[in-house]
Protein backbone atom coordinates (compact mmCIF):
# COMPACT_ATOMS: atom_id res chain seq x y z
CA MET A 1 -21.60 -112.72 53.83
CA VAL A 2 -24.64 -111.31 52.05
CA LYS A 3 -24.61 -111.81 48.30
CA CYS A 4 -25.51 -108.59 46.47
CA GLY A 5 -26.28 -109.08 42.81
CA LEU A 6 -27.29 -106.67 40.11
CA PRO A 7 -31.07 -106.99 40.75
CA TRP A 8 -30.54 -105.88 44.35
CA LEU A 9 -28.44 -102.91 43.26
CA VAL A 10 -31.11 -101.94 40.72
CA LEU A 11 -33.74 -102.24 43.47
CA LEU A 12 -31.70 -100.03 45.80
CA ALA A 13 -31.19 -97.42 43.07
CA SER A 14 -34.93 -97.52 42.35
CA ALA A 15 -35.69 -96.94 46.04
CA VAL A 16 -33.37 -93.91 46.05
CA LEU A 17 -35.17 -92.62 42.96
CA GLU A 18 -38.47 -93.13 44.77
CA ALA A 19 -37.28 -90.74 47.46
CA VAL A 20 -36.24 -88.24 44.78
CA TRP A 21 -39.59 -88.35 42.99
CA ALA A 22 -41.54 -88.13 46.25
CA THR A 23 -39.54 -85.06 47.25
CA ALA A 24 -39.95 -83.53 43.79
CA LEU A 25 -43.68 -84.21 43.96
CA GLY A 26 -43.88 -82.18 47.15
CA LEU A 27 -41.87 -79.37 45.59
CA SER A 28 -43.96 -79.33 42.40
CA ASP A 29 -46.82 -77.49 44.15
CA GLY A 30 -49.48 -79.60 42.45
CA PHE A 31 -47.49 -79.84 39.20
CA THR A 32 -47.49 -76.04 38.79
CA ARG A 33 -43.70 -75.66 39.04
CA PRO A 34 -41.97 -76.99 35.89
CA ALA A 35 -38.54 -78.04 37.21
CA PRO A 36 -39.75 -80.21 40.11
CA THR A 37 -42.51 -81.59 37.88
CA ILE A 38 -39.96 -82.70 35.28
CA VAL A 39 -37.72 -84.20 38.00
CA PHE A 40 -40.77 -86.03 39.35
CA ALA A 41 -41.76 -87.43 35.94
CA VAL A 42 -38.26 -88.61 35.02
CA THR A 43 -37.36 -90.14 38.39
CA ALA A 44 -40.78 -91.76 38.88
CA THR A 45 -40.45 -93.41 35.48
CA LEU A 46 -36.89 -94.60 36.13
CA SER A 47 -37.85 -95.81 39.61
CA MET A 48 -40.73 -97.89 38.23
CA VAL A 49 -38.60 -99.29 35.42
CA GLY A 50 -35.95 -100.32 37.93
CA LEU A 51 -38.53 -101.94 40.20
CA GLY A 52 -39.91 -103.80 37.18
CA MET A 53 -36.44 -105.04 36.28
CA ALA A 54 -35.68 -106.10 39.87
CA ILE A 55 -38.83 -108.21 40.19
CA ARG A 56 -37.61 -110.43 37.40
CA SER A 57 -35.21 -111.93 39.96
CA ILE A 58 -36.55 -110.84 43.36
CA PRO A 59 -39.99 -111.92 44.57
CA LEU A 60 -42.53 -109.12 44.07
CA GLY A 61 -43.61 -108.86 47.72
CA THR A 62 -40.04 -108.66 48.96
CA ALA A 63 -38.94 -106.20 46.27
CA TYR A 64 -41.95 -103.94 46.77
CA ALA A 65 -41.56 -103.89 50.56
CA ILE A 66 -37.89 -102.98 50.26
CA TRP A 67 -38.56 -100.37 47.55
CA VAL A 68 -41.29 -98.68 49.58
CA GLY A 69 -39.47 -98.98 52.92
CA ILE A 70 -36.14 -97.60 51.77
CA GLY A 71 -37.81 -94.91 49.64
CA ALA A 72 -40.02 -93.78 52.53
CA ALA A 73 -37.15 -93.78 55.00
CA LEU A 74 -34.98 -91.70 52.67
CA THR A 75 -37.85 -89.30 51.96
CA VAL A 76 -38.51 -88.67 55.65
CA GLY A 77 -34.79 -88.51 56.42
CA TRP A 78 -34.26 -85.89 53.71
CA ALA A 79 -37.26 -83.90 54.90
CA MET A 80 -35.90 -83.87 58.46
CA ALA A 81 -32.37 -82.99 57.29
CA THR A 82 -33.63 -80.04 55.25
CA GLY A 83 -36.01 -78.79 57.94
CA VAL A 84 -39.19 -79.50 55.98
CA GLU A 85 -40.22 -81.98 58.67
CA SER A 86 -39.45 -81.76 62.37
CA PHE A 87 -36.68 -83.94 63.79
CA SER A 88 -37.49 -86.43 66.52
CA VAL A 89 -35.38 -89.19 68.02
CA VAL A 90 -38.46 -91.41 68.19
CA LYS A 91 -39.19 -90.73 64.52
CA LEU A 92 -35.57 -91.61 63.71
CA LEU A 93 -35.90 -94.89 65.62
CA PHE A 94 -39.03 -95.82 63.68
CA ILE A 95 -37.28 -95.00 60.39
CA ALA A 96 -34.36 -97.18 61.48
CA GLY A 97 -36.92 -99.93 62.12
CA ILE A 98 -38.23 -99.62 58.56
CA VAL A 99 -34.69 -99.87 57.17
CA GLY A 100 -33.90 -102.78 59.48
CA CYS A 101 -36.98 -104.67 58.33
CA ALA A 102 -36.10 -104.05 54.67
CA ALA A 103 -32.56 -105.28 55.28
CA GLY A 104 -33.98 -108.33 57.05
CA LEU A 105 -35.95 -109.24 53.93
CA LYS A 106 -32.72 -109.11 51.93
CA VAL A 107 -30.78 -111.42 54.23
CA LEU A 108 -33.46 -114.11 54.45
CA PRO A 109 -32.35 -117.30 52.74
CA ALA A 110 -33.60 -117.68 49.19
CA GLN A 111 -36.42 -120.16 48.76
CA LYS A 112 -36.91 -122.50 45.89
CA ASP A 113 -40.22 -122.24 44.11
CA ALA A 114 -42.98 -122.79 46.63
CA PRO A 115 -45.18 -125.80 45.99
CA ARG A 116 -48.29 -124.78 44.09
CA VAL A 117 -51.71 -125.70 45.37
CA ARG A 118 -53.84 -127.13 42.62
CA SER A 119 -57.52 -126.30 42.62
CA GLY A 120 -59.74 -129.21 43.41
CA ASP A 121 -57.24 -130.94 45.73
């Protein structure tokens, strides 16, 4: 069974917020529409704060890849569902691949601190 702690839930919430701010950014029309601009600013800030909190416990590379992958997949999925972007089965398969790769990073066994290479050795 996959252990899901608070940092992973925060990371997932941050990825969802990434999709919200990316969508709001598109709707802001270059920051000329106030409501989407405010949604963008608030959710982008919360998303970054959550990512920052998650990387206290999750390695940065893993956390960032999951954050970007899930956020991008949700953004494209929402755009297809709302008709902003065309639907394609192939596109859906590639999005599923992104999500699968992000999930794969989560289920990898945790490593202890990697040995550090000292300069001059």
